[in-house]
Every structure is written in C-alpha cells, then in structure tokens.
Amino acid sequence: FEDKNGAGLNCADPQDFRKIYDATMPLLFKVSFRIVGDEEAA
C-alpha cells in the first residue's frame, strides 16, 4: 500500500492507520497471545 503521493503509509493518517490495523491485528494478537497467554493482556 502507498498513499496517493507515493510517500508510504503514515500512522498519523486515519486511512493509512486503518489499513495497517486491518492487515496486521490478527497476526499481532496471535503473537502476543502465545507469548503472554492472556487474551485481554495480548
């Protein structure tokens, strides 16, 4: 993904942030959960 200007994904931009969140949340949750063993903490 790149924004309209080709500058990449800016975490401060709500649309870019949503793209990053939607694409990574399940994976990041799995990684954290397997390390900490607690859903809420993960």
PDB file of all heavy atoms in Angstrom:
ATOM      1  N   PHE A   1       0.833  -1.195   0.000  1.00  0.00           N
ATOM      2  CA  PHE A   1       0.000   0.000   0.000  1.00  0.00           C
ATOM      3  C   PHE A   1       0.868   1.246   0.000  1.00  0.00           C
ATOM      4  O   PHE A   1       1.854   1.312   0.695  1.00  0.00           O
ATOM      5  CB  PHE A   1      -0.895   0.051   1.246  1.00  0.00           C
ATOM      6  CG  PHE A   1      -1.964  -0.973   1.281  1.00  0.00           C
ATOM      7  CD1 PHE A   1      -1.901  -2.000   2.201  1.00  0.00           C
ATOM      8  CD2 PHE A   1      -3.034  -0.942   0.421  1.00  0.00           C
ATOM      9  CE1 PHE A   1      -2.872  -2.946   2.268  1.00  0.00           C
ATOM     10  CE2 PHE A   1      -4.016  -1.885   0.476  1.00  0.00           C
ATOM     11  CZ  PHE A   1      -3.940  -2.898   1.405  1.00  0.00           C
ATOM     12  N   GLU A   2       0.488   2.217  -0.757  1.00  0.00           N
ATOM     13  CA  GLU A   2       1.116   3.523  -0.692  1.00  0.00           C
ATOM     14  C   GLU A   2       0.022   4.557  -0.818  1.00  0.00           C
ATOM     15  O   GLU A   2      -1.001   4.311  -1.439  1.00  0.00           O
ATOM     16  CB  GLU A   2       2.126   3.717  -1.825  1.00  0.00           C
ATOM     17  CG  GLU A   2       3.406   2.955  -1.610  1.00  0.00           C
ATOM     18  CD  GLU A   2       4.496   3.374  -2.579  1.00  0.00           C
ATOM     19  OE1 GLU A   2       4.228   4.201  -3.458  1.00  0.00           O
ATOM     20  OE2 GLU A   2       5.611   2.867  -2.439  1.00  0.00           O
ATOM     21  N   ASP A   3       0.246   5.723  -0.224  1.00  0.00           N
ATOM     22  CA  ASP A   3      -0.773   6.752  -0.338  1.00  0.00           C
ATOM     23  C   ASP A   3      -0.699   7.396  -1.717  1.00  0.00           C
ATOM     24  O   ASP A   3       0.144   7.081  -2.534  1.00  0.00           O
ATOM     25  CB  ASP A   3      -0.680   7.773   0.796  1.00  0.00           C
ATOM     26  CG  ASP A   3       0.549   8.659   0.705  1.00  0.00           C
ATOM     27  OD1 ASP A   3       1.212   8.645  -0.340  1.00  0.00           O
ATOM     28  OD2 ASP A   3       0.815   9.366   1.695  1.00  0.00           O
ATOM     29  N   LYS A   4      -1.579   8.352  -1.962  1.00  0.00           N
ATOM     30  CA  LYS A   4      -1.692   8.968  -3.286  1.00  0.00           C
ATOM     31  C   LYS A   4      -0.402   9.638  -3.726  1.00  0.00           C
ATOM     32  O   LYS A   4      -0.095   9.733  -4.891  1.00  0.00           O
ATOM     33  CB  LYS A   4      -2.842   9.998  -3.290  1.00  0.00           C
ATOM     34  CG  LYS A   4      -4.164   9.391  -2.976  1.00  0.00           C
ATOM     35  CD  LYS A   4      -4.756  10.118  -1.762  1.00  0.00           C
ATOM     36  CE  LYS A   4      -5.810   9.271  -1.128  1.00  0.00           C
ATOM     37  NZ  LYS A   4      -5.533   8.903   0.234  1.00  0.00           N
ATOM     38  N   ASN A   5       0.392  10.153  -2.796  1.00  0.00           N
ATOM     39  CA  ASN A   5       1.623  10.856  -3.117  1.00  0.00           C
ATOM     40  C   ASN A   5       2.819   9.914  -3.217  1.00  0.00           C
ATOM     41  O   ASN A   5       3.923  10.358  -3.467  1.00  0.00           O
ATOM     42  CB  ASN A   5       1.918  11.915  -2.042  1.00  0.00           C
ATOM     43  CG  ASN A   5       0.773  12.889  -1.881  1.00  0.00           C
ATOM     44  OD1 ASN A   5       0.106  13.213  -2.863  1.00  0.00           O
ATOM     45  ND2 ASN A   5       0.534  13.334  -0.668  1.00  0.00           N
ATOM     46  N   GLY A   6       2.637   8.624  -2.955  1.00  0.00           N
ATOM     47  CA  GLY A   6       3.720   7.651  -3.028  1.00  0.00           C
ATOM     48  C   GLY A   6       4.661   7.735  -1.834  1.00  0.00           C
ATOM     49  O   GLY A   6       5.768   7.249  -1.891  1.00  0.00           O
ATOM     50  N   ALA A   7       4.232   8.379  -0.767  1.00  0.00           N
ATOM     51  CA  ALA A   7       5.100   8.584   0.395  1.00  0.00           C
ATOM     52  C   ALA A   7       5.038   7.441   1.390  1.00  0.00           C
ATOM     53  O   ALA A   7       5.682   7.495   2.415  1.00  0.00           O
ATOM     54  CB  ALA A   7       4.722   9.897   1.082  1.00  0.00           C
ATOM     55  N   GLY A   8       4.268   6.436   1.143  1.00  0.00           N
ATOM     56  CA  GLY A   8       4.175   5.324   2.075  1.00  0.00           C
ATOM     57  C   GLY A   8       2.937   5.432   2.945  1.00  0.00           C
ATOM     58  O   GLY A   8       1.990   6.158   2.638  1.00  0.00           O
ATOM     59  N   LEU A   9       2.946   4.695   4.043  1.00  0.00           N
ATOM     60  CA  LEU A   9       1.814   4.667   4.969  1.00  0.00           C
ATOM     61  C   LEU A   9       2.167   5.470   6.211  1.00  0.00           C
ATOM     62  O   LEU A   9       3.131   5.163   6.909  1.00  0.00           O
ATOM     63  CB  LEU A   9       1.492   3.225   5.352  1.00  0.00           C
ATOM     64  CG  LEU A   9       0.980   2.357   4.209  1.00  0.00           C
ATOM     65  CD1 LEU A   9       1.060   0.896   4.573  1.00  0.00           C
ATOM     66  CD2 LEU A   9      -0.450   2.728   3.886  1.00  0.00           C
ATOM     67  N   ASN A  10       1.371   6.459   6.510  1.00  0.00           N
ATOM     68  CA  ASN A  10       1.592   7.331   7.655  1.00  0.00           C
ATOM     69  C   ASN A  10       0.647   6.928   8.771  1.00  0.00           C
ATOM     70  O   ASN A  10      -0.576   6.991   8.619  1.00  0.00           O
ATOM     71  CB  ASN A  10       1.351   8.786   7.243  1.00  0.00           C
ATOM     72  CG  ASN A  10       1.654   9.763   8.351  1.00  0.00           C
ATOM     73  OD1 ASN A  10       1.725   9.400   9.521  1.00  0.00           O
ATOM     74  ND2 ASN A  10       1.834  11.016   7.975  1.00  0.00           N
ATOM     75  N   CYS A  11       1.203   6.528   9.898  1.00  0.00           N
ATOM     76  CA  CYS A  11       0.381   6.073  11.024  1.00  0.00           C
ATOM     77  C   CYS A  11      -0.487   7.172  11.606  1.00  0.00           C
ATOM     78  O   CYS A  11      -1.457   6.889  12.310  1.00  0.00           O
ATOM     79  CB  CYS A  11       1.274   5.484  12.116  1.00  0.00           C
ATOM     80  SG  CYS A  11       2.013   3.925  11.623  1.00  0.00           S
ATOM     81  N   ALA A  12      -0.149   8.424  11.351  1.00  0.00           N
ATOM     82  CA  ALA A  12      -0.961   9.536  11.852  1.00  0.00           C
ATOM     83  C   ALA A  12      -2.171   9.801  10.959  1.00  0.00           C
ATOM     84  O   ALA A  12      -3.108  10.481  11.371  1.00  0.00           O
ATOM     85  CB  ALA A  12      -0.115  10.800  11.972  1.00  0.00           C
ATOM     86  N   ASP A  13      -2.154   9.254   9.747  1.00  0.00           N
ATOM     87  CA  ASP A  13      -3.281   9.420   8.826  1.00  0.00           C
ATOM     88  C   ASP A  13      -4.319   8.344   9.122  1.00  0.00           C
ATOM     89  O   ASP A  13      -4.001   7.142   9.090  1.00  0.00           O
ATOM     90  CB  ASP A  13      -2.793   9.287   7.379  1.00  0.00           C
ATOM     91  CG  ASP A  13      -3.928   9.385   6.385  1.00  0.00           C
ATOM     92  OD1 ASP A  13      -4.331  10.516   6.058  1.00  0.00           O
ATOM     93  OD2 ASP A  13      -4.416   8.315   5.948  1.00  0.00           O
ATOM     94  N   PRO A  14      -5.561   8.719   9.427  1.00  0.00           N
ATOM     95  CA  PRO A  14      -6.582   7.727   9.815  1.00  0.00           C
ATOM     96  C   PRO A  14      -6.805   6.622   8.782  1.00  0.00           C
ATOM     97  O   PRO A  14      -6.982   5.467   9.156  1.00  0.00           O
ATOM     98  CB  PRO A  14      -7.854   8.568  10.003  1.00  0.00           C
ATOM     99  CG  PRO A  14      -7.367   9.946  10.292  1.00  0.00           C
ATOM    100  CD  PRO A  14      -6.076  10.101   9.533  1.00  0.00           C
ATOM    101  N   GLN A  15      -6.771   6.957   7.493  1.00  0.00           N
ATOM    102  CA  GLN A  15      -6.981   5.922   6.465  1.00  0.00           C
ATOM    103  C   GLN A  15      -5.818   4.945   6.414  1.00  0.00           C
ATOM    104  O   GLN A  15      -6.009   3.735   6.334  1.00  0.00           O
ATOM    105  CB  GLN A  15      -7.199   6.574   5.095  1.00  0.00           C
ATOM    106  CG  GLN A  15      -8.536   7.275   4.974  1.00  0.00           C
ATOM    107  CD  GLN A  15      -8.707   7.916   3.607  1.00  0.00           C
ATOM    108  OE1 GLN A  15      -7.735   8.336   2.978  1.00  0.00           O
ATOM    109  NE2 GLN A  15      -9.939   7.991   3.151  1.00  0.00           N
ATOM    110  N   ASP A  16      -4.592   5.478   6.453  1.00  0.00           N
ATOM    111  CA  ASP A  16      -3.416   4.608   6.450  1.00  0.00           C
ATOM    112  C   ASP A  16      -3.360   3.758   7.716  1.00  0.00           C
ATOM    113  O   ASP A  16      -3.040   2.570   7.675  1.00  0.00           O
ATOM    114  CB  ASP A  16      -2.127   5.426   6.340  1.00  0.00           C
ATOM    115  CG  ASP A  16      -1.912   6.006   4.948  1.00  0.00           C
ATOM    116  OD1 ASP A  16      -2.639   5.609   4.014  1.00  0.00           O
ATOM    117  OD2 ASP A  16      -1.002   6.852   4.802  1.00  0.00           O
ATOM    118  N   PHE A  17      -3.676   4.389   8.844  1.00  0.00           N
ATOM    119  CA  PHE A  17      -3.669   3.666  10.110  1.00  0.00           C
ATOM    120  C   PHE A  17      -4.652   2.504  10.052  1.00  0.00           C
ATOM    121  O   PHE A  17      -4.349   1.391  10.488  1.00  0.00           O
ATOM    122  CB  PHE A  17      -4.029   4.602  11.274  1.00  0.00           C
ATOM    123  CG  PHE A  17      -3.956   3.924  12.613  1.00  0.00           C
ATOM    124  CD1 PHE A  17      -2.748   3.813  13.278  1.00  0.00           C
ATOM    125  CD2 PHE A  17      -5.086   3.374  13.195  1.00  0.00           C
ATOM    126  CE1 PHE A  17      -2.671   3.166  14.512  1.00  0.00           C
ATOM    127  CE2 PHE A  17      -5.024   2.737  14.424  1.00  0.00           C
ATOM    128  CZ  PHE A  17      -3.811   2.632  15.076  1.00  0.00           C
ATOM    129  N   ARG A  18      -5.839   2.721   9.492  1.00  0.00           N
ATOM    130  CA  ARG A  18      -6.865   1.669   9.371  1.00  0.00           C
ATOM    131  C   ARG A  18      -6.347   0.532   8.494  1.00  0.00           C
ATOM    132  O   ARG A  18      -6.559  -0.644   8.802  1.00  0.00           O
ATOM    133  CB  ARG A  18      -8.158   2.262   8.826  1.00  0.00           C
ATOM    134  CG  ARG A  18      -9.267   1.249   8.560  1.00  0.00           C
ATOM    135  CD  ARG A  18      -9.531   0.309   9.694  1.00  0.00           C
ATOM    136  NE  ARG A  18     -10.448   0.866  10.642  1.00  0.00           N
ATOM    137  CZ  ARG A  18     -10.794   0.266  11.765  1.00  0.00           C
ATOM    138  NH1 ARG A  18     -10.287  -0.901  12.086  1.00  0.00           N
ATOM    139  NH2 ARG A  18     -11.627   0.820  12.597  1.00  0.00           N
ATOM    140  N   LYS A  19      -5.656   0.853   7.400  1.00  0.00           N
ATOM    141  CA  LYS A  19      -5.097  -0.186   6.518  1.00  0.00           C
ATOM    142  C   LYS A  19      -4.103  -1.053   7.293  1.00  0.00           C
ATOM    143  O   LYS A  19      -4.132  -2.281   7.211  1.00  0.00           O
ATOM    144  CB  LYS A  19      -4.381   0.442   5.322  1.00  0.00           C
ATOM    145  CG  LYS A  19      -5.291   1.018   4.277  1.00  0.00           C
ATOM    146  CD  LYS A  19      -4.463   1.653   3.169  1.00  0.00           C
ATOM    147  CE  LYS A  19      -5.333   2.444   2.217  1.00  0.00           C
ATOM    148  NZ  LYS A  19      -4.536   3.166   1.211  1.00  0.00           N
ATOM    149  N   ILE A  20      -3.219  -0.384   8.035  1.00  0.00           N
ATOM    150  CA  ILE A  20      -2.207  -1.111   8.809  1.00  0.00           C
ATOM    151  C   ILE A  20      -2.882  -1.967   9.870  1.00  0.00           C
ATOM    152  O   ILE A  20      -2.569  -3.151  10.029  1.00  0.00           O
ATOM    153  CB  ILE A  20      -1.201  -0.125   9.455  1.00  0.00           C
ATOM    154  CG1 ILE A  20      -0.373   0.567   8.375  1.00  0.00           C
ATOM    155  CG2 ILE A  20      -0.290  -0.847  10.450  1.00  0.00           C
ATOM    156  CD1 ILE A  20       0.462   1.744   8.888  1.00  0.00           C
ATOM    157  N   TYR A  21      -3.822  -1.392  10.587  1.00  0.00           N
ATOM    158  CA  TYR A  21      -4.530  -2.105  11.658  1.00  0.00           C
ATOM    159  C   TYR A  21      -5.249  -3.334  11.108  1.00  0.00           C
ATOM    160  O   TYR A  21      -5.095  -4.442  11.629  1.00  0.00           O
ATOM    161  CB  TYR A  21      -5.518  -1.166  12.347  1.00  0.00           C
ATOM    162  CG  TYR A  21      -6.248  -1.804  13.502  1.00  0.00           C
ATOM    163  CD1 TYR A  21      -5.716  -1.764  14.781  1.00  0.00           C
ATOM    164  CD2 TYR A  21      -7.466  -2.455  13.319  1.00  0.00           C
ATOM    165  CE1 TYR A  21      -6.366  -2.344  15.856  1.00  0.00           C
ATOM    166  CE2 TYR A  21      -8.130  -3.054  14.383  1.00  0.00           C
ATOM    167  CZ  TYR A  21      -7.579  -2.985  15.643  1.00  0.00           C
ATOM    168  OH  TYR A  21      -8.231  -3.573  16.695  1.00  0.00           O
ATOM    169  N   ASP A  22      -6.036  -3.141  10.052  1.00  0.00           N
ATOM    170  CA  ASP A  22      -6.808  -4.256   9.484  1.00  0.00           C
ATOM    171  C   ASP A  22      -5.916  -5.377   8.976  1.00  0.00           C
ATOM    172  O   ASP A  22      -6.255  -6.557   9.096  1.00  0.00           O
ATOM    173  CB  ASP A  22      -7.707  -3.760   8.341  1.00  0.00           C
ATOM    174  CG  ASP A  22      -8.866  -2.903   8.831  1.00  0.00           C
ATOM    175  OD1 ASP A  22      -9.181  -2.942  10.047  1.00  0.00           O
ATOM    176  OD2 ASP A  22      -9.462  -2.186   8.004  1.00  0.00           O
ATOM    177  N   ALA A  23      -4.761  -5.010   8.427  1.00  0.00           N
ATOM    178  CA  ALA A  23      -3.874  -6.020   7.841  1.00  0.00           C
ATOM    179  C   ALA A  23      -3.029  -6.752   8.885  1.00  0.00           C
ATOM    180  O   ALA A  23      -2.584  -7.872   8.632  1.00  0.00           O
ATOM    181  CB  ALA A  23      -2.946  -5.356   6.814  1.00  0.00           C
ATOM    182  N   THR A  24      -2.817  -6.144  10.053  1.00  0.00           N
ATOM    183  CA  THR A  24      -1.867  -6.736  10.999  1.00  0.00           C
ATOM    184  C   THR A  24      -2.463  -7.199  12.324  1.00  0.00           C
ATOM    185  O   THR A  24      -1.835  -7.983  13.027  1.00  0.00           O
ATOM    186  CB  THR A  24      -0.727  -5.746  11.310  1.00  0.00           C
ATOM    187  OG1 THR A  24      -1.284  -4.549  11.877  1.00  0.00           O
ATOM    188  CG2 THR A  24       0.068  -5.406  10.067  1.00  0.00           C
ATOM    189  N   MET A  25      -3.616  -6.734  12.693  1.00  0.00           N
ATOM    190  CA  MET A  25      -4.162  -7.025  14.025  1.00  0.00           C
ATOM    191  C   MET A  25      -4.243  -8.523  14.335  1.00  0.00           C
ATOM    192  O   MET A  25      -3.793  -8.953  15.397  1.00  0.00           O
ATOM    193  CB  MET A  25      -5.530  -6.346  14.199  1.00  0.00           C
ATOM    194  CG  MET A  25      -6.187  -6.635  15.524  1.00  0.00           C
ATOM    195  SD  MET A  25      -5.146  -6.176  16.922  1.00  0.00           S
ATOM    196  CE  MET A  25      -6.166  -6.712  18.275  1.00  0.00           C
ATOM    197  N   PRO A  26      -4.823  -9.350  13.457  1.00  0.00           N
ATOM    198  CA  PRO A  26      -4.926 -10.781  13.812  1.00  0.00           C
ATOM    199  C   PRO A  26      -3.561 -11.431  14.072  1.00  0.00           C
ATOM    200  O   PRO A  26      -3.401 -12.177  15.035  1.00  0.00           O
ATOM    201  CB  PRO A  26      -5.612 -11.416  12.588  1.00  0.00           C
ATOM    202  CG  PRO A  26      -6.332 -10.279  11.932  1.00  0.00           C
ATOM    203  CD  PRO A  26      -5.486  -9.058  12.183  1.00  0.00           C
ATOM    204  N   LEU A  27      -2.586 -11.121  13.235  1.00  0.00           N
ATOM    205  CA  LEU A  27      -1.253 -11.691  13.403  1.00  0.00           C
ATOM    206  C   LEU A  27      -0.606 -11.208  14.697  1.00  0.00           C
ATOM    207  O   LEU A  27      -0.077 -12.003  15.474  1.00  0.00           O
ATOM    208  CB  LEU A  27      -0.365 -11.320  12.211  1.00  0.00           C
ATOM    209  CG  LEU A  27       1.128 -11.624  12.365  1.00  0.00           C
ATOM    210  CD1 LEU A  27       1.347 -13.132  12.463  1.00  0.00           C
ATOM    211  CD2 LEU A  27       1.904 -11.036  11.220  1.00  0.00           C
ATOM    212  N   LEU A  28      -0.654  -9.921  14.949  1.00  0.00           N
ATOM    213  CA  LEU A  28      -0.034  -9.364  16.148  1.00  0.00           C
ATOM    214  C   LEU A  28      -0.690  -9.908  17.403  1.00  0.00           C
ATOM    215  O   LEU A  28      -0.011 -10.204  18.391  1.00  0.00           O
ATOM    216  CB  LEU A  28      -0.097  -7.840  16.128  1.00  0.00           C
ATOM    217  CG  LEU A  28       0.671  -7.165  14.993  1.00  0.00           C
ATOM    218  CD1 LEU A  28       0.446  -5.660  15.022  1.00  0.00           C
ATOM    219  CD2 LEU A  28       2.144  -7.492  15.042  1.00  0.00           C
ATOM    220  N   PHE A  29      -1.996 -10.075  17.366  1.00  0.00           N
ATOM    221  CA  PHE A  29      -2.698 -10.629  18.523  1.00  0.00           C
ATOM    222  C   PHE A  29      -2.232 -12.061  18.782  1.00  0.00           C
ATOM    223  O   PHE A  29      -1.969 -12.439  19.920  1.00  0.00           O
ATOM    224  CB  PHE A  29      -4.214 -10.599  18.323  1.00  0.00           C
ATOM    225  CG  PHE A  29      -4.960 -11.242  19.450  1.00  0.00           C
ATOM    226  CD1 PHE A  29      -5.156 -10.566  20.649  1.00  0.00           C
ATOM    227  CD2 PHE A  29      -5.443 -12.539  19.333  1.00  0.00           C
ATOM    228  CE1 PHE A  29      -5.823 -11.167  21.701  1.00  0.00           C
ATOM    229  CE2 PHE A  29      -6.107 -13.146  20.385  1.00  0.00           C
ATOM    230  CZ  PHE A  29      -6.298 -12.453  21.567  1.00  0.00           C
ATOM    231  N   LYS A  30      -2.122 -12.867  17.727  1.00  0.00           N
ATOM    232  CA  LYS A  30      -1.663 -14.255  17.891  1.00  0.00           C
ATOM    233  C   LYS A  30      -0.266 -14.311  18.506  1.00  0.00           C
ATOM    234  O   LYS A  30      -0.010 -15.107  19.408  1.00  0.00           O
ATOM    235  CB  LYS A  30      -1.645 -14.984  16.535  1.00  0.00           C
ATOM    236  CG  LYS A  30      -2.991 -15.361  16.008  1.00  0.00           C
ATOM    237  CD  LYS A  30      -2.833 -16.059  14.672  1.00  0.00           C
ATOM    238  CE  LYS A  30      -4.150 -16.269  13.978  1.00  0.00           C
ATOM    239  NZ  LYS A  30      -3.965 -16.852  12.635  1.00  0.00           N
ATOM    240  N   VAL A  31       0.625 -13.473  17.995  1.00  0.00           N
ATOM    241  CA  VAL A  31       1.998 -13.464  18.507  1.00  0.00           C
ATOM    242  C   VAL A  31       1.998 -13.106  19.988  1.00  0.00           C
ATOM    243  O   VAL A  31       2.591 -13.801  20.818  1.00  0.00           O
ATOM    244  CB  VAL A  31       2.882 -12.482  17.695  1.00  0.00           C
ATOM    245  CG1 VAL A  31       4.222 -12.257  18.377  1.00  0.00           C
ATOM    246  CG2 VAL A  31       3.095 -13.008  16.277  1.00  0.00           C
ATOM    247  N   SER A  32       1.306 -12.028  20.330  1.00  0.00           N
ATOM    248  CA  SER A  32       1.284 -11.587  21.718  1.00  0.00           C
ATOM    249  C   SER A  32       0.604 -12.616  22.616  1.00  0.00           C
ATOM    250  O   SER A  32       1.097 -12.922  23.701  1.00  0.00           O
ATOM    251  CB  SER A  32       0.573 -10.233  21.835  1.00  0.00           C
ATOM    252  OG  SER A  32       0.631  -9.770  23.157  1.00  0.00           O
ATOM    253  N   PHE A  33      -0.515 -13.162  22.175  1.00  0.00           N
ATOM    254  CA  PHE A  33      -1.254 -14.125  22.988  1.00  0.00           C
ATOM    255  C   PHE A  33      -0.411 -15.359  23.286  1.00  0.00           C
ATOM    256  O   PHE A  33      -0.424 -15.874  24.408  1.00  0.00           O
ATOM    257  CB  PHE A  33      -2.561 -14.536  22.304  1.00  0.00           C
ATOM    258  CG  PHE A  33      -3.324 -15.580  23.070  1.00  0.00           C
ATOM    259  CD1 PHE A  33      -3.943 -15.268  24.265  1.00  0.00           C
ATOM    260  CD2 PHE A  33      -3.400 -16.888  22.608  1.00  0.00           C
ATOM    261  CE1 PHE A  33      -4.636 -16.232  24.986  1.00  0.00           C
ATOM    262  CE2 PHE A  33      -4.087 -17.848  23.318  1.00  0.00           C
ATOM    263  CZ  PHE A  33      -4.710 -17.522  24.505  1.00  0.00           C
ATOM    264  N   ARG A  34       0.333 -15.839  22.298  1.00  0.00           N
ATOM    265  CA  ARG A  34       1.160 -17.024  22.514  1.00  0.00           C
ATOM    266  C   ARG A  34       2.312 -16.755  23.468  1.00  0.00           C
ATOM    267  O   ARG A  34       2.802 -17.660  24.126  1.00  0.00           O
ATOM    268  CB  ARG A  34       1.703 -17.574  21.189  1.00  0.00           C
ATOM    269  CG  ARG A  34       0.633 -18.148  20.320  1.00  0.00           C
ATOM    270  CD  ARG A  34      -0.101 -19.255  21.029  1.00  0.00           C
ATOM    271  NE  ARG A  34      -1.210 -19.699  20.219  1.00  0.00           N
ATOM    272  CZ  ARG A  34      -2.145 -20.522  20.610  1.00  0.00           C
ATOM    273  NH1 ARG A  34      -2.129 -20.996  21.830  1.00  0.00           N
ATOM    274  NH2 ARG A  34      -3.108 -20.869  19.819  1.00  0.00           N
ATOM    275  N   ILE A  35       2.710 -15.511  23.569  1.00  0.00           N
ATOM    276  CA  ILE A  35       3.782 -15.174  24.498  1.00  0.00           C
ATOM    277  C   ILE A  35       3.235 -14.964  25.906  1.00  0.00           C
ATOM    278  O   ILE A  35       3.778 -15.485  26.871  1.00  0.00           O
ATOM    279  CB  ILE A  35       4.559 -13.924  24.026  1.00  0.00           C
ATOM    280  CG1 ILE A  35       5.301 -14.240  22.726  1.00  0.00           C
ATOM    281  CG2 ILE A  35       5.533 -13.447  25.101  1.00  0.00           C
ATOM    282  CD1 ILE A  35       5.936 -13.037  22.052  1.00  0.00           C
ATOM    283  N   VAL A  36       2.123 -14.207  26.019  1.00  0.00           N
ATOM    284  CA  VAL A  36       1.620 -13.851  27.356  1.00  0.00           C
ATOM    285  C   VAL A  36       0.548 -14.800  27.873  1.00  0.00           C
ATOM    286  O   VAL A  36       0.320 -14.875  29.080  1.00  0.00           O
ATOM    287  CB  VAL A  36       1.106 -12.391  27.417  1.00  0.00           C
ATOM    288  CG1 VAL A  36       2.206 -11.424  27.060  1.00  0.00           C
ATOM    289  CG2 VAL A  36      -0.111 -12.170  26.551  1.00  0.00           C
ATOM    290  N   GLY A  37      -0.152 -15.512  26.974  1.00  0.00           N
ATOM    291  CA  GLY A  37      -1.156 -16.482  27.396  1.00  0.00           C
ATOM    292  C   GLY A  37      -2.413 -15.872  27.988  1.00  0.00           C
ATOM    293  O   GLY A  37      -3.157 -16.548  28.690  1.00  0.00           O
ATOM    294  N   ASP A  38      -2.681 -14.611  27.707  1.00  0.00           N
ATOM    295  CA  ASP A  38      -3.842 -13.931  28.263  1.00  0.00           C
ATOM    296  C   ASP A  38      -4.428 -13.041  27.163  1.00  0.00           C
ATOM    297  O   ASP A  38      -3.760 -12.112  26.691  1.00  0.00           O
ATOM    298  CB  ASP A  38      -3.405 -13.093  29.471  1.00  0.00           C
ATOM    299  CG  ASP A  38      -4.529 -12.313  30.110  1.00  0.00           C
ATOM    300  OD1 ASP A  38      -5.199 -11.533  29.399  1.00  0.00           O
ATOM    301  OD2 ASP A  38      -4.731 -12.452  31.331  1.00  0.00           O
ATOM    302  N   GLU A  39      -5.673 -13.321  26.763  1.00  0.00           N
ATOM    303  CA  GLU A  39      -6.289 -12.598  25.652  1.00  0.00           C
ATOM    304  C   GLU A  39      -6.368 -11.098  25.900  1.00  0.00           C
ATOM    305  O   GLU A  39      -6.030 -10.293  25.037  1.00  0.00           O
ATOM    306  CB  GLU A  39      -7.697 -13.134  25.368  1.00  0.00           C
ATOM    307  CG  GLU A  39      -7.713 -14.476  24.702  1.00  0.00           C
ATOM    308  CD  GLU A  39      -9.120 -14.954  24.372  1.00  0.00           C
ATOM    309  OE1 GLU A  39     -10.055 -14.123  24.372  1.00  0.00           O
ATOM    310  OE2 GLU A  39      -9.268 -16.154  24.105  1.00  0.00           O
ATOM    311  N   GLU A  40      -6.835 -10.730  27.081  1.00  0.00           N
ATOM    312  CA  GLU A  40      -7.008  -9.313  27.388  1.00  0.00           C
ATOM    313  C   GLU A  40      -5.670  -8.580  27.395  1.00  0.00           C
ATOM    314  O   GLU A  40      -5.538  -7.489  26.832  1.00  0.00           O
ATOM    315  CB  GLU A  40      -7.694  -9.176  28.750  1.00  0.00           C
ATOM    316  CG  GLU A  40      -8.253  -7.803  29.016  1.00  0.00           C
ATOM    317  CD  GLU A  40      -9.104  -7.789  30.279  1.00  0.00           C
ATOM    318  OE1 GLU A  40     -10.020  -8.632  30.400  1.00  0.00           O
ATOM    319  OE2 GLU A  40      -8.827  -6.931  31.130  1.00  0.00           O
ATOM    320  N   ALA A  41      -4.674  -9.182  28.004  1.00  0.00           N
ATOM    321  CA  ALA A  41      -3.346  -8.571  28.042  1.00  0.00           C
ATOM    322  C   ALA A  41      -2.760  -8.479  26.637  1.00  0.00           C
ATOM    323  O   ALA A  41      -2.161  -7.455  26.271  1.00  0.00           O
ATOM    324  CB  ALA A  41      -2.414  -9.365  28.950  1.00  0.00           C
ATOM    325  N   ALA A  42      -2.929  -9.530  25.840  1.00  0.00           N
ATOM    326  CA  ALA A  42      -2.409  -9.525  24.475  1.00  0.00           C
ATOM    327  C   ALA A  42      -3.040  -8.401  23.660  1.00  0.00           C
ATOM    328  O   ALA A  42      -2.344  -7.672  22.945  1.00  0.00           O
ATOM    329  CB  ALA A  42      -2.660 -10.875  23.804  1.00  0.00           C
TER     330      ALA A  42
END
